[in-house]
Amino acid sequence: MNGTAGVINGVRCIGHGLCAEACPVGAIEVGAGDFRRRQDVPILDGALQTTVARLFVVGELGGLALIRNAVGDGFRFGDALRDRHAANAPASVVVIGAGPAGVSAALAAKKRGHAVRVLEQEADLGGTILHYPRKKLVLTAPVRFPTGEELAKDEYAKEELLDILGSLVKAHALPIAFGHRVTTLTGAGGQFTVTAVSRSTGAPLSLRADVVALALGRRG
């Protein structure tokens, strides 16, 4: 408009960046923008830690979409556990959310010998992906999980990706409490209490944690 490019329908953007690659004149540049101006993005350091010590945010809640970013956050979370928080003894780690970011973070923590519990409010894996339409193609770009398994293709159908996540959970015996919605998170500095409620029975579940990773996604 008036010689200046503008966003027509930003809500429909799914963030794969192929528009920039396809533009014949190089007029499109995809970037994350200045997060400091966004009120919906938490303040994080370079290791994804919030302003509360040992409380981390992984996945799209941190401001970046895409499955490859979510899985990559798992690596960064695992590195933070190694470098900062549990060098001398295993930590009890609670991951809230069992989408790609939550599964990746839990795998990274378990690989490093920490005691991991995952809480998921839905009845199954997938997070936001679980609510995609049937057979929807999910663009990933090749990416590797912290335990070595690889998503080698550029795109997967929703159901195929969910099957892969399920296989990872089973192969590495990740303990996930499905159907548990987190209601409170209290404490700080490595002494957290996470309280959840079963969506089927209403029974409470309380977990103590040295480290908490929020992998809620935007929907959560």
N, C-alpha and C. Protein backbone atom coordinates (compact mmCIF):
# COMPACT_ATOMS: atom_id res chain seq x y z
N MET A 1 0.86 -1.20 0.00
CA MET A 1 0.00 0.00 0.00
C MET A 1 0.89 1.24 0.00
N ASN A 2 0.64 2.14 -0.99
CA ASN A 2 1.43 3.37 -1.11
C ASN A 2 2.92 3.07 -1.18
N GLY A 3 3.26 1.98 -1.86
CA GLY A 3 4.67 1.64 -2.05
C GLY A 3 5.32 0.95 -0.88
N THR A 4 4.55 0.61 0.17
CA THR A 4 5.10 -0.04 1.35
C THR A 4 4.42 -1.39 1.56
N ALA A 5 5.22 -2.42 1.79
CA ALA A 5 4.66 -3.75 2.04
C ALA A 5 3.95 -3.78 3.38
N GLY A 6 2.88 -4.56 3.45
CA GLY A 6 2.15 -4.70 4.70
C GLY A 6 1.65 -6.11 4.88
N VAL A 7 1.34 -6.47 6.11
CA VAL A 7 0.81 -7.80 6.41
C VAL A 7 -0.67 -7.84 6.07
N ILE A 8 -1.07 -8.79 5.23
CA ILE A 8 -2.47 -8.90 4.82
C ILE A 8 -3.27 -9.68 5.85
N ASN A 9 -2.77 -10.85 6.23
CA ASN A 9 -3.48 -11.68 7.20
C ASN A 9 -2.45 -12.47 8.01
N GLY A 10 -1.88 -11.82 9.00
CA GLY A 10 -0.82 -12.43 9.79
C GLY A 10 -1.25 -13.64 10.57
N VAL A 11 -2.56 -13.75 10.88
CA VAL A 11 -3.06 -14.88 11.66
C VAL A 11 -2.86 -16.20 10.91
N ARG A 12 -2.90 -16.14 9.57
CA ARG A 12 -2.79 -17.35 8.78
C ARG A 12 -1.35 -17.79 8.56
N CYS A 13 -0.39 -16.98 8.94
CA CYS A 13 1.02 -17.36 8.78
C CYS A 13 1.35 -18.52 9.71
N ILE A 14 1.97 -19.58 9.16
CA ILE A 14 2.37 -20.72 10.00
C ILE A 14 3.87 -20.76 10.22
N GLY A 15 4.58 -19.75 9.75
CA GLY A 15 5.97 -19.55 10.15
C GLY A 15 7.01 -20.43 9.50
N HIS A 16 6.71 -21.06 8.36
CA HIS A 16 7.73 -21.92 7.78
C HIS A 16 8.78 -21.16 6.98
N GLY A 17 8.50 -19.93 6.61
CA GLY A 17 9.50 -19.09 5.95
C GLY A 17 9.69 -19.36 4.47
N LEU A 18 8.87 -20.24 3.87
CA LEU A 18 9.06 -20.56 2.45
C LEU A 18 8.72 -19.39 1.55
N CYS A 19 7.90 -18.46 2.03
CA CYS A 19 7.58 -17.28 1.23
C CYS A 19 8.84 -16.48 0.92
N ALA A 20 9.72 -16.36 1.92
CA ALA A 20 10.97 -15.62 1.71
C ALA A 20 11.86 -16.32 0.69
N GLU A 21 11.88 -17.65 0.75
CA GLU A 21 12.69 -18.40 -0.21
C GLU A 21 12.13 -18.30 -1.62
N ALA A 22 10.80 -18.26 -1.76
CA ALA A 22 10.17 -18.27 -3.07
C ALA A 22 10.10 -16.89 -3.72
N CYS A 23 10.23 -15.83 -2.95
CA CYS A 23 10.09 -14.48 -3.51
C CYS A 23 11.18 -14.24 -4.55
N PRO A 24 10.81 -13.93 -5.81
CA PRO A 24 11.81 -13.81 -6.88
C PRO A 24 12.68 -12.56 -6.79
N VAL A 25 12.27 -11.58 -6.00
CA VAL A 25 13.05 -10.35 -5.92
C VAL A 25 13.64 -10.13 -4.52
N GLY A 26 13.52 -11.12 -3.65
CA GLY A 26 14.11 -10.99 -2.31
C GLY A 26 13.49 -9.92 -1.46
N ALA A 27 12.18 -9.70 -1.66
CA ALA A 27 11.51 -8.60 -0.95
C ALA A 27 11.00 -9.00 0.42
N ILE A 28 11.07 -10.29 0.76
CA ILE A 28 10.52 -10.75 2.03
C ILE A 28 11.65 -11.21 2.94
N GLU A 29 11.65 -10.72 4.14
CA GLU A 29 12.61 -11.16 5.15
C GLU A 29 11.83 -11.59 6.38
N VAL A 30 12.06 -12.83 6.81
CA VAL A 30 11.36 -13.38 7.96
C VAL A 30 12.26 -13.25 9.19
N GLY A 31 11.74 -12.65 10.24
CA GLY A 31 12.51 -12.49 11.47
C GLY A 31 11.62 -12.59 12.68
N ALA A 32 12.22 -12.66 13.83
CA ALA A 32 11.46 -12.80 15.06
C ALA A 32 10.95 -11.48 15.59
N GLY A 33 11.55 -10.37 15.11
CA GLY A 33 11.13 -9.07 15.63
C GLY A 33 11.78 -8.78 16.98
N ASP A 34 11.42 -7.67 17.55
CA ASP A 34 11.95 -7.24 18.84
C ASP A 34 11.03 -7.72 19.95
N PHE A 35 11.45 -8.80 20.64
CA PHE A 35 10.61 -9.37 21.68
C PHE A 35 10.39 -8.41 22.85
N ARG A 36 11.27 -7.44 23.01
CA ARG A 36 11.14 -6.52 24.13
C ARG A 36 9.87 -5.68 24.02
N ARG A 37 9.32 -5.58 22.82
CA ARG A 37 8.11 -4.80 22.61
C ARG A 37 6.85 -5.65 22.70
N ARG A 38 7.01 -6.94 22.90
CA ARG A 38 5.85 -7.84 22.92
C ARG A 38 5.49 -8.20 24.36
N GLN A 39 4.27 -7.87 24.73
CA GLN A 39 3.82 -8.14 26.08
C GLN A 39 3.46 -9.60 26.31
N ASP A 40 3.32 -10.37 25.21
CA ASP A 40 2.91 -11.77 25.34
C ASP A 40 4.09 -12.73 25.37
N VAL A 41 5.31 -12.21 25.38
CA VAL A 41 6.50 -13.06 25.38
C VAL A 41 7.23 -12.90 26.70
N PRO A 42 7.51 -14.00 27.41
CA PRO A 42 8.19 -13.89 28.71
C PRO A 42 9.65 -13.46 28.55
N ILE A 43 10.18 -12.90 29.61
CA ILE A 43 11.59 -12.49 29.63
C ILE A 43 12.44 -13.72 29.92
N LEU A 44 13.33 -14.07 28.98
CA LEU A 44 14.18 -15.25 29.12
C LEU A 44 15.63 -14.88 28.88
N ASP A 45 16.53 -15.62 29.53
CA ASP A 45 17.94 -15.43 29.22
C ASP A 45 18.32 -16.35 28.07
N GLY A 46 19.59 -16.41 27.73
CA GLY A 46 20.03 -17.20 26.60
C GLY A 46 19.85 -18.69 26.77
N ALA A 47 19.60 -19.13 27.99
CA ALA A 47 19.39 -20.56 28.25
C ALA A 47 17.92 -20.88 28.49
N LEU A 48 17.03 -19.92 28.15
CA LEU A 48 15.58 -20.11 28.26
C LEU A 48 15.08 -20.04 29.69
N GLN A 49 15.90 -19.56 30.61
CA GLN A 49 15.48 -19.41 32.00
C GLN A 49 14.76 -18.09 32.18
N THR A 50 13.68 -18.12 32.95
CA THR A 50 12.93 -16.90 33.24
C THR A 50 13.64 -16.09 34.32
N THR A 51 12.98 -15.03 34.76
CA THR A 51 13.54 -14.23 35.84
C THR A 51 13.46 -14.95 37.18
N VAL A 52 12.75 -16.08 37.22
CA VAL A 52 12.73 -16.95 38.40
C VAL A 52 13.75 -18.06 38.19
N ALA A 53 14.72 -18.18 39.07
CA ALA A 53 15.78 -19.16 38.91
C ALA A 53 15.21 -20.57 38.81
N ARG A 54 15.72 -21.33 37.84
CA ARG A 54 15.36 -22.73 37.60
C ARG A 54 13.95 -22.93 37.04
N LEU A 55 13.33 -21.85 36.62
CA LEU A 55 12.05 -21.95 35.93
C LEU A 55 12.29 -21.56 34.47
N PHE A 56 12.02 -22.50 33.55
CA PHE A 56 12.35 -22.33 32.14
C PHE A 56 11.07 -22.31 31.29
N VAL A 57 11.18 -21.72 30.12
CA VAL A 57 10.13 -21.76 29.11
C VAL A 57 10.71 -22.34 27.84
N VAL A 58 10.07 -23.38 27.30
CA VAL A 58 10.52 -23.98 26.05
C VAL A 58 9.36 -24.00 25.06
N GLY A 59 9.68 -23.94 23.79
CA GLY A 59 8.64 -24.00 22.76
C GLY A 59 8.06 -22.66 22.42
N GLU A 60 6.89 -22.66 21.77
CA GLU A 60 6.34 -21.44 21.18
C GLU A 60 5.88 -20.42 22.22
N LEU A 61 5.72 -20.82 23.46
CA LEU A 61 5.39 -19.84 24.50
C LEU A 61 6.50 -18.80 24.63
N GLY A 62 7.72 -19.19 24.24
CA GLY A 62 8.85 -18.26 24.30
C GLY A 62 8.91 -17.28 23.15
N GLY A 63 7.99 -17.41 22.18
CA GLY A 63 7.91 -16.43 21.11
C GLY A 63 8.18 -16.95 19.72
N LEU A 64 8.77 -18.15 19.60
CA LEU A 64 9.09 -18.71 18.29
C LEU A 64 8.28 -19.97 18.05
N ALA A 65 7.63 -20.02 16.89
CA ALA A 65 6.89 -21.21 16.52
C ALA A 65 7.83 -22.19 15.81
N LEU A 66 7.29 -23.15 15.13
CA LEU A 66 7.99 -24.18 14.36
C LEU A 66 8.45 -25.33 15.25
N ILE A 67 8.25 -26.52 14.74
CA ILE A 67 8.62 -27.72 15.48
C ILE A 67 10.13 -27.81 15.66
N ARG A 68 10.88 -27.41 14.65
CA ARG A 68 12.34 -27.49 14.80
C ARG A 68 12.84 -26.59 15.93
N ASN A 69 12.19 -25.44 16.12
CA ASN A 69 12.56 -24.57 17.24
C ASN A 69 12.19 -25.21 18.57
N ALA A 70 11.01 -25.85 18.60
CA ALA A 70 10.57 -26.51 19.83
C ALA A 70 11.53 -27.62 20.23
N VAL A 71 11.91 -28.44 19.26
CA VAL A 71 12.84 -29.54 19.55
C VAL A 71 14.21 -28.98 19.94
N GLY A 72 14.63 -27.93 19.26
CA GLY A 72 15.91 -27.31 19.59
C GLY A 72 15.95 -26.76 21.00
N ASP A 73 14.80 -26.27 21.49
CA ASP A 73 14.74 -25.78 22.87
C ASP A 73 15.02 -26.90 23.86
N GLY A 74 14.67 -28.14 23.49
CA GLY A 74 14.99 -29.27 24.36
C GLY A 74 16.49 -29.39 24.58
N PHE A 75 17.27 -29.24 23.51
CA PHE A 75 18.72 -29.27 23.63
C PHE A 75 19.22 -28.17 24.54
N ARG A 76 18.70 -26.97 24.35
CA ARG A 76 19.15 -25.83 25.15
C ARG A 76 18.79 -26.02 26.62
N PHE A 77 17.64 -26.59 26.87
CA PHE A 77 17.23 -26.88 28.25
C PHE A 77 18.17 -27.91 28.87
N GLY A 78 18.48 -28.96 28.13
CA GLY A 78 19.41 -29.97 28.64
C GLY A 78 20.79 -29.40 28.93
N ASP A 79 21.26 -28.51 28.06
CA ASP A 79 22.55 -27.87 28.28
C ASP A 79 22.53 -26.99 29.53
N ALA A 80 21.40 -26.32 29.75
CA ALA A 80 21.30 -25.47 30.95
C ALA A 80 21.35 -26.31 32.21
N LEU A 81 20.72 -27.48 32.20
CA LEU A 81 20.78 -28.36 33.37
C LEU A 81 22.21 -28.81 33.63
N ARG A 82 22.92 -29.09 32.55
CA ARG A 82 24.30 -29.54 32.69
C ARG A 82 25.20 -28.42 33.22
N ASP A 83 25.04 -27.23 32.67
CA ASP A 83 25.99 -26.16 32.94
C ASP A 83 25.71 -25.39 34.23
N ARG A 84 24.42 -25.34 34.64
CA ARG A 84 24.10 -24.42 35.72
C ARG A 84 23.51 -25.05 36.97
N HIS A 85 22.72 -26.08 36.81
CA HIS A 85 21.78 -26.36 37.88
C HIS A 85 21.92 -27.72 38.57
N ALA A 86 22.57 -28.65 37.96
CA ALA A 86 22.58 -29.97 38.58
C ALA A 86 23.89 -30.69 38.30
N ALA A 87 24.98 -29.99 38.47
CA ALA A 87 26.27 -30.57 38.12
C ALA A 87 26.66 -31.70 39.07
N ASN A 88 26.22 -31.65 40.31
CA ASN A 88 26.70 -32.60 41.30
C ASN A 88 25.72 -33.72 41.62
N ALA A 89 24.45 -33.54 41.32
CA ALA A 89 23.45 -34.55 41.67
C ALA A 89 22.27 -34.47 40.72
N PRO A 90 21.56 -35.57 40.52
CA PRO A 90 20.36 -35.52 39.67
C PRO A 90 19.32 -34.57 40.25
N ALA A 91 18.63 -33.89 39.38
CA ALA A 91 17.56 -32.98 39.81
C ALA A 91 16.21 -33.63 39.53
N SER A 92 15.20 -33.22 40.30
CA SER A 92 13.83 -33.61 39.98
C SER A 92 13.28 -32.53 39.05
N VAL A 93 12.88 -32.95 37.86
CA VAL A 93 12.45 -32.02 36.81
C VAL A 93 11.00 -32.29 36.47
N VAL A 94 10.18 -31.24 36.48
CA VAL A 94 8.79 -31.35 36.04
C VAL A 94 8.64 -30.54 34.76
N VAL A 95 8.16 -31.19 33.72
CA VAL A 95 7.89 -30.54 32.44
C VAL A 95 6.38 -30.45 32.28
N ILE A 96 5.88 -29.26 32.02
CA ILE A 96 4.43 -29.04 31.88
C ILE A 96 4.12 -28.88 30.40
N GLY A 97 3.50 -29.91 29.84
CA GLY A 97 3.18 -29.91 28.42
C GLY A 97 3.89 -31.03 27.69
N ALA A 98 3.15 -31.79 26.88
CA ALA A 98 3.73 -32.93 26.17
C ALA A 98 3.60 -32.79 24.67
N GLY A 99 3.84 -31.58 24.18
CA GLY A 99 4.00 -31.37 22.75
C GLY A 99 5.45 -31.60 22.36
N PRO A 100 5.85 -31.23 21.14
CA PRO A 100 7.24 -31.46 20.72
C PRO A 100 8.27 -30.83 21.66
N ALA A 101 8.01 -29.61 22.14
CA ALA A 101 8.97 -28.96 23.04
C ALA A 101 9.06 -29.68 24.37
N GLY A 102 7.90 -30.06 24.94
CA GLY A 102 7.91 -30.74 26.23
C GLY A 102 8.57 -32.11 26.15
N VAL A 103 8.26 -32.86 25.09
CA VAL A 103 8.87 -34.18 24.92
C VAL A 103 10.38 -34.04 24.73
N SER A 104 10.80 -33.06 23.92
CA SER A 104 12.23 -32.86 23.69
C SER A 104 12.95 -32.47 24.98
N ALA A 105 12.35 -31.56 25.75
CA ALA A 105 12.97 -31.14 27.02
C ALA A 105 13.05 -32.29 28.00
N ALA A 106 11.99 -33.10 28.08
CA ALA A 106 11.99 -34.24 28.99
C ALA A 106 13.03 -35.27 28.58
N LEU A 107 13.17 -35.51 27.28
CA LEU A 107 14.19 -36.46 26.80
C LEU A 107 15.59 -35.96 27.13
N ALA A 108 15.81 -34.66 26.95
CA ALA A 108 17.13 -34.10 27.24
C ALA A 108 17.47 -34.22 28.72
N ALA A 109 16.48 -33.95 29.58
CA ALA A 109 16.72 -34.05 31.02
C ALA A 109 16.96 -35.50 31.44
N LYS A 110 16.16 -36.41 30.91
CA LYS A 110 16.33 -37.81 31.29
C LYS A 110 17.65 -38.35 30.79
N LYS A 111 18.06 -37.95 29.60
CA LYS A 111 19.34 -38.39 29.05
C LYS A 111 20.49 -37.99 29.97
N ARG A 112 20.36 -36.88 30.65
CA ARG A 112 21.42 -36.41 31.55
C ARG A 112 21.27 -36.97 32.96
N GLY A 113 20.34 -37.91 33.15
CA GLY A 113 20.25 -38.62 34.42
C GLY A 113 19.33 -38.01 35.45
N HIS A 114 18.53 -37.04 35.04
CA HIS A 114 17.62 -36.39 35.99
C HIS A 114 16.30 -37.16 36.10
N ALA A 115 15.62 -36.99 37.21
CA ALA A 115 14.32 -37.62 37.43
C ALA A 115 13.25 -36.72 36.84
N VAL A 116 12.54 -37.21 35.83
CA VAL A 116 11.63 -36.38 35.05
C VAL A 116 10.20 -36.84 35.22
N ARG A 117 9.28 -35.88 35.36
CA ARG A 117 7.84 -36.12 35.29
C ARG A 117 7.25 -35.10 34.31
N VAL A 118 6.31 -35.56 33.49
CA VAL A 118 5.65 -34.68 32.53
C VAL A 118 4.16 -34.63 32.86
N LEU A 119 3.59 -33.44 32.87
CA LEU A 119 2.16 -33.25 33.09
C LEU A 119 1.54 -32.71 31.80
N GLU A 120 0.45 -33.33 31.36
CA GLU A 120 -0.23 -32.92 30.13
C GLU A 120 -1.73 -32.87 30.38
N GLN A 121 -2.34 -31.73 30.07
CA GLN A 121 -3.77 -31.58 30.35
C GLN A 121 -4.65 -32.36 29.37
N GLU A 122 -4.14 -32.63 28.16
CA GLU A 122 -4.92 -33.40 27.20
C GLU A 122 -4.80 -34.90 27.51
N ALA A 123 -5.59 -35.69 26.80
CA ALA A 123 -5.58 -37.14 27.01
C ALA A 123 -4.51 -37.84 26.19
N ASP A 124 -3.77 -37.07 25.38
CA ASP A 124 -2.76 -37.68 24.53
C ASP A 124 -1.66 -36.68 24.25
N LEU A 125 -0.62 -37.16 23.55
CA LEU A 125 0.52 -36.33 23.18
C LEU A 125 0.16 -35.31 22.11
N GLY A 126 1.06 -34.36 21.93
CA GLY A 126 0.99 -33.52 20.75
C GLY A 126 0.82 -32.04 20.99
N GLY A 127 0.24 -31.65 22.11
CA GLY A 127 0.02 -30.22 22.34
C GLY A 127 -0.84 -29.61 21.26
N THR A 128 -0.38 -28.53 20.67
CA THR A 128 -1.13 -27.84 19.63
C THR A 128 -1.37 -28.74 18.43
N ILE A 129 -0.40 -29.59 18.10
CA ILE A 129 -0.52 -30.48 16.94
C ILE A 129 -1.74 -31.38 17.07
N LEU A 130 -2.05 -31.79 18.29
CA LEU A 130 -3.18 -32.69 18.53
C LEU A 130 -4.49 -32.09 18.00
N HIS A 131 -4.58 -30.77 17.95
CA HIS A 131 -5.81 -30.10 17.53
C HIS A 131 -5.80 -29.72 16.05
N TYR A 132 -4.75 -30.06 15.34
CA TYR A 132 -4.73 -29.80 13.90
C TYR A 132 -5.78 -30.66 13.19
N PRO A 133 -6.26 -30.24 12.03
CA PRO A 133 -7.17 -31.08 11.25
C PRO A 133 -6.51 -32.40 10.84
N ARG A 134 -7.32 -33.42 10.59
CA ARG A 134 -6.80 -34.71 10.17
C ARG A 134 -5.99 -34.57 8.88
N LYS A 135 -4.87 -35.30 8.83
CA LYS A 135 -3.99 -35.37 7.67
C LYS A 135 -3.29 -34.05 7.35
N LYS A 136 -3.40 -33.06 8.21
CA LYS A 136 -2.71 -31.79 7.97
C LYS A 136 -1.22 -32.02 7.89
N LEU A 137 -0.57 -31.44 6.88
CA LEU A 137 0.88 -31.54 6.77
C LEU A 137 1.53 -30.57 7.75
N VAL A 138 2.50 -31.08 8.47
CA VAL A 138 3.23 -30.28 9.45
C VAL A 138 4.64 -30.08 8.92
N LEU A 139 5.02 -28.84 8.70
CA LEU A 139 6.34 -28.55 8.17
C LEU A 139 7.35 -28.52 9.31
N THR A 140 8.42 -29.28 9.17
CA THR A 140 9.39 -29.35 10.25
C THR A 140 10.79 -28.92 9.83
N ALA A 141 11.22 -29.31 8.64
CA ALA A 141 12.63 -29.30 8.23
C ALA A 141 13.35 -30.36 9.06
N PRO A 142 14.36 -31.00 8.52
CA PRO A 142 15.05 -32.06 9.26
C PRO A 142 15.54 -31.57 10.63
N VAL A 143 15.29 -32.37 11.64
CA VAL A 143 15.68 -32.00 13.00
C VAL A 143 15.95 -33.26 13.80
N ARG A 144 16.85 -33.17 14.76
CA ARG A 144 17.22 -34.32 15.59
C ARG A 144 16.81 -34.08 17.03
N PHE A 145 16.27 -35.11 17.69
CA PHE A 145 15.90 -35.02 19.10
C PHE A 145 17.14 -35.21 19.98
N PRO A 146 17.09 -34.78 21.23
CA PRO A 146 18.25 -34.91 22.12
C PRO A 146 18.74 -36.33 22.30
N THR A 147 17.88 -37.32 22.10
CA THR A 147 18.28 -38.72 22.26
C THR A 147 18.78 -39.34 20.96
N GLY A 148 18.90 -38.55 19.89
CA GLY A 148 19.51 -39.01 18.66
C GLY A 148 18.55 -39.33 17.53
N GLU A 149 17.27 -39.56 17.82
CA GLU A 149 16.33 -39.85 16.76
C GLU A 149 16.12 -38.60 15.89
N GLU A 150 15.87 -38.83 14.62
CA GLU A 150 15.81 -37.71 13.67
C GLU A 150 14.48 -37.68 12.92
N LEU A 151 13.96 -36.46 12.76
CA LEU A 151 12.89 -36.21 11.81
C LEU A 151 13.58 -35.79 10.52
N ALA A 152 13.71 -36.72 9.59
CA ALA A 152 14.58 -36.51 8.44
C ALA A 152 13.88 -35.84 7.26
N LYS A 153 12.54 -35.84 7.25
CA LYS A 153 11.81 -35.28 6.12
C LYS A 153 11.46 -33.81 6.37
N ASP A 154 11.11 -33.13 5.30
CA ASP A 154 10.71 -31.72 5.43
C ASP A 154 9.30 -31.55 5.96
N GLU A 155 8.46 -32.57 5.79
CA GLU A 155 7.10 -32.45 6.27
C GLU A 155 6.54 -33.83 6.63
N TYR A 156 5.63 -33.81 7.59
CA TYR A 156 4.98 -35.02 8.06
C TYR A 156 3.49 -34.73 8.20
N ALA A 157 2.68 -35.74 7.99
CA ALA A 157 1.27 -35.61 8.33
C ALA A 157 1.13 -35.57 9.84
N LYS A 158 0.09 -34.90 10.30
CA LYS A 158 -0.15 -34.78 11.74
C LYS A 158 -0.07 -36.13 12.43
N GLU A 159 -0.78 -37.13 11.89
CA GLU A 159 -0.85 -38.44 12.54
C GLU A 159 0.51 -39.12 12.58
N GLU A 160 1.30 -38.93 11.54
CA GLU A 160 2.64 -39.53 11.48
C GLU A 160 3.54 -38.93 12.55
N LEU A 161 3.46 -37.62 12.71
CA LEU A 161 4.30 -36.96 13.71
C LEU A 161 3.90 -37.37 15.13
N LEU A 162 2.59 -37.49 15.36
CA LEU A 162 2.14 -37.94 16.68
C LEU A 162 2.60 -39.36 16.98
N ASP A 163 2.61 -40.21 15.97
CA ASP A 163 3.11 -41.58 16.15
C ASP A 163 4.59 -41.58 16.52
N ILE A 164 5.35 -40.69 15.90
CA ILE A 164 6.78 -40.61 16.20
C ILE A 164 6.99 -40.16 17.64
N LEU A 165 6.25 -39.14 18.06
CA LEU A 165 6.36 -38.69 19.45
C LEU A 165 6.00 -39.81 20.42
N GLY A 166 4.94 -40.57 20.09
CA GLY A 166 4.56 -41.69 20.94
C GLY A 166 5.63 -42.75 21.02
N SER A 167 6.30 -43.01 19.90
CA SER A 167 7.38 -43.99 19.90
C SER A 167 8.55 -43.54 20.77
N LEU A 168 8.86 -42.25 20.73
CA LEU A 168 9.93 -41.71 21.57
C LEU A 168 9.60 -41.85 23.05
N VAL A 169 8.37 -41.51 23.39
CA VAL A 169 7.95 -41.62 24.79
C VAL A 169 8.06 -43.06 25.27
N LYS A 170 7.61 -43.99 24.44
CA LYS A 170 7.65 -45.41 24.82
C LYS A 170 9.07 -45.93 24.89
N ALA A 171 9.89 -45.58 23.90
CA ALA A 171 11.27 -46.09 23.85
C ALA A 171 12.09 -45.63 25.04
N HIS A 172 11.83 -44.42 25.52
CA HIS A 172 12.63 -43.85 26.61
C HIS A 172 11.87 -43.82 27.93
N ALA A 173 10.71 -44.48 27.96
CA ALA A 173 9.92 -44.62 29.19
C ALA A 173 9.72 -43.30 29.91
N LEU A 174 9.26 -42.30 29.16
CA LEU A 174 8.98 -41.01 29.78
C LEU A 174 7.70 -41.10 30.60
N PRO A 175 7.74 -40.76 31.86
CA PRO A 175 6.52 -40.80 32.69
C PRO A 175 5.66 -39.57 32.46
N ILE A 176 4.52 -39.76 31.82
CA ILE A 176 3.62 -38.64 31.51
C ILE A 176 2.27 -38.89 32.19
N ALA A 177 1.82 -37.91 32.95
CA ALA A 177 0.50 -37.96 33.56
C ALA A 177 -0.46 -37.20 32.64
N PHE A 178 -1.21 -37.96 31.82
CA PHE A 178 -2.15 -37.35 30.90
C PHE A 178 -3.41 -36.92 31.65
N GLY A 179 -4.12 -35.97 31.05
CA GLY A 179 -5.38 -35.53 31.64
C GLY A 179 -5.23 -34.80 32.96
N HIS A 180 -4.06 -34.20 33.17
CA HIS A 180 -3.82 -33.45 34.41
C HIS A 180 -3.53 -31.99 34.09
N ARG A 181 -4.42 -31.13 34.49
CA ARG A 181 -4.26 -29.70 34.24
C ARG A 181 -3.59 -29.04 35.44
N VAL A 182 -2.48 -28.36 35.18
CA VAL A 182 -1.75 -27.68 36.25
C VAL A 182 -2.54 -26.46 36.70
N THR A 183 -2.73 -26.35 38.00
CA THR A 183 -3.49 -25.24 38.56
C THR A 183 -2.62 -24.22 39.28
N THR A 184 -1.55 -24.69 39.93
CA THR A 184 -0.66 -23.75 40.62
C THR A 184 0.79 -24.18 40.50
N LEU A 185 1.65 -23.19 40.49
CA LEU A 185 3.09 -23.41 40.55
C LEU A 185 3.63 -22.42 41.57
N THR A 186 4.14 -22.93 42.67
CA THR A 186 4.63 -22.07 43.74
C THR A 186 6.09 -22.39 44.03
N GLY A 187 6.73 -21.45 44.71
CA GLY A 187 8.13 -21.64 45.07
C GLY A 187 9.05 -20.90 44.12
N ALA A 188 10.34 -21.01 44.37
CA ALA A 188 11.34 -20.33 43.55
C ALA A 188 12.71 -20.93 43.84
N GLY A 189 13.65 -20.66 42.94
CA GLY A 189 15.04 -20.99 43.18
C GLY A 189 15.32 -22.46 43.38
N GLY A 190 14.53 -23.33 42.78
CA GLY A 190 14.81 -24.76 42.89
C GLY A 190 13.99 -25.49 43.92
N GLN A 191 13.04 -24.83 44.53
CA GLN A 191 12.15 -25.49 45.48
C GLN A 191 10.70 -25.17 45.07
N PHE A 192 10.25 -25.89 44.05
CA PHE A 192 8.92 -25.65 43.49
C PHE A 192 7.93 -26.72 43.93
N THR A 193 6.68 -26.33 43.98
CA THR A 193 5.58 -27.27 44.13
C THR A 193 4.62 -27.05 42.97
N VAL A 194 4.41 -28.11 42.21
CA VAL A 194 3.49 -28.05 41.07
C VAL A 194 2.24 -28.83 41.44
N THR A 195 1.09 -28.18 41.37
CA THR A 195 -0.17 -28.83 41.70
C THR A 195 -1.02 -28.95 40.44
N ALA A 196 -1.53 -30.15 40.21
CA ALA A 196 -2.40 -30.40 39.06
C ALA A 196 -3.65 -31.12 39.52
N VAL A 197 -4.67 -31.09 38.68
CA VAL A 197 -5.93 -31.75 38.98
C VAL A 197 -6.30 -32.67 37.81
N SER A 198 -6.69 -33.88 38.13
CA SER A 198 -7.14 -34.81 37.10
C SER A 198 -8.44 -34.30 36.49
N ARG A 199 -8.48 -34.22 35.17
CA ARG A 199 -9.67 -33.71 34.50
C ARG A 199 -10.80 -34.74 34.48
N SER A 200 -10.48 -35.99 34.77
CA SER A 200 -11.52 -37.02 34.77
C SER A 200 -12.10 -37.27 36.16
N THR A 201 -11.26 -37.22 37.19
CA THR A 201 -11.72 -37.55 38.54
C THR A 201 -11.73 -36.36 39.49
N GLY A 202 -10.99 -35.30 39.13
CA GLY A 202 -10.89 -34.16 40.03
C GLY A 202 -9.89 -34.34 41.14
N ALA A 203 -9.18 -35.48 41.14
CA ALA A 203 -8.20 -35.75 42.19
C ALA A 203 -6.96 -34.87 42.01
N PRO A 204 -6.44 -34.32 43.10
CA PRO A 204 -5.24 -33.46 42.99
C PRO A 204 -3.96 -34.29 42.90
N LEU A 205 -2.96 -33.71 42.29
CA LEU A 205 -1.63 -34.30 42.21
C LEU A 205 -0.63 -33.21 42.52
N SER A 206 0.25 -33.46 43.49
CA SER A 206 1.24 -32.46 43.89
C SER A 206 2.64 -33.03 43.70
N LEU A 207 3.49 -32.29 43.02
CA LEU A 207 4.86 -32.73 42.75
C LEU A 207 5.84 -31.68 43.24
N ARG A 208 6.93 -32.14 43.85
CA ARG A 208 8.04 -31.26 44.20
C ARG A 208 9.05 -31.28 43.07
N ALA A 209 9.68 -30.15 42.80
CA ALA A 209 10.62 -30.09 41.69
C ALA A 209 11.77 -29.14 42.00
N ASP A 210 12.96 -29.54 41.56
CA ASP A 210 14.11 -28.64 41.60
C ASP A 210 14.11 -27.71 40.40
N VAL A 211 13.59 -28.22 39.27
CA VAL A 211 13.57 -27.47 38.01
C VAL A 211 12.21 -27.68 37.35
N VAL A 212 11.65 -26.60 36.78
CA VAL A 212 10.38 -26.69 36.06
C VAL A 212 10.56 -26.11 34.67
N ALA A 213 10.04 -26.82 33.68
CA ALA A 213 10.04 -26.32 32.31
C ALA A 213 8.60 -26.16 31.84
N LEU A 214 8.23 -24.94 31.44
CA LEU A 214 6.89 -24.68 30.93
C LEU A 214 6.90 -24.87 29.41
N ALA A 215 6.21 -25.89 28.96
CA ALA A 215 6.10 -26.16 27.52
C ALA A 215 4.63 -26.10 27.13
N LEU A 216 3.97 -25.01 27.51
CA LEU A 216 2.52 -24.91 27.38
C LEU A 216 2.05 -24.64 25.97
N GLY A 217 2.90 -24.05 25.14
CA GLY A 217 2.43 -23.60 23.85
C GLY A 217 1.48 -22.43 23.99
N ARG A 218 0.98 -21.94 22.88
CA ARG A 218 0.04 -20.83 22.92
C ARG A 218 -1.34 -21.29 23.34
N ARG A 219 -1.74 -22.46 22.89
CA ARG A 219 -3.06 -22.98 23.25
C ARG A 219 -3.13 -23.25 24.75
N GLY A 220 -2.06 -23.81 25.32
CA GLY A 220 -2.06 -24.11 26.75
C GLY A 220 -2.10 -22.88 27.61
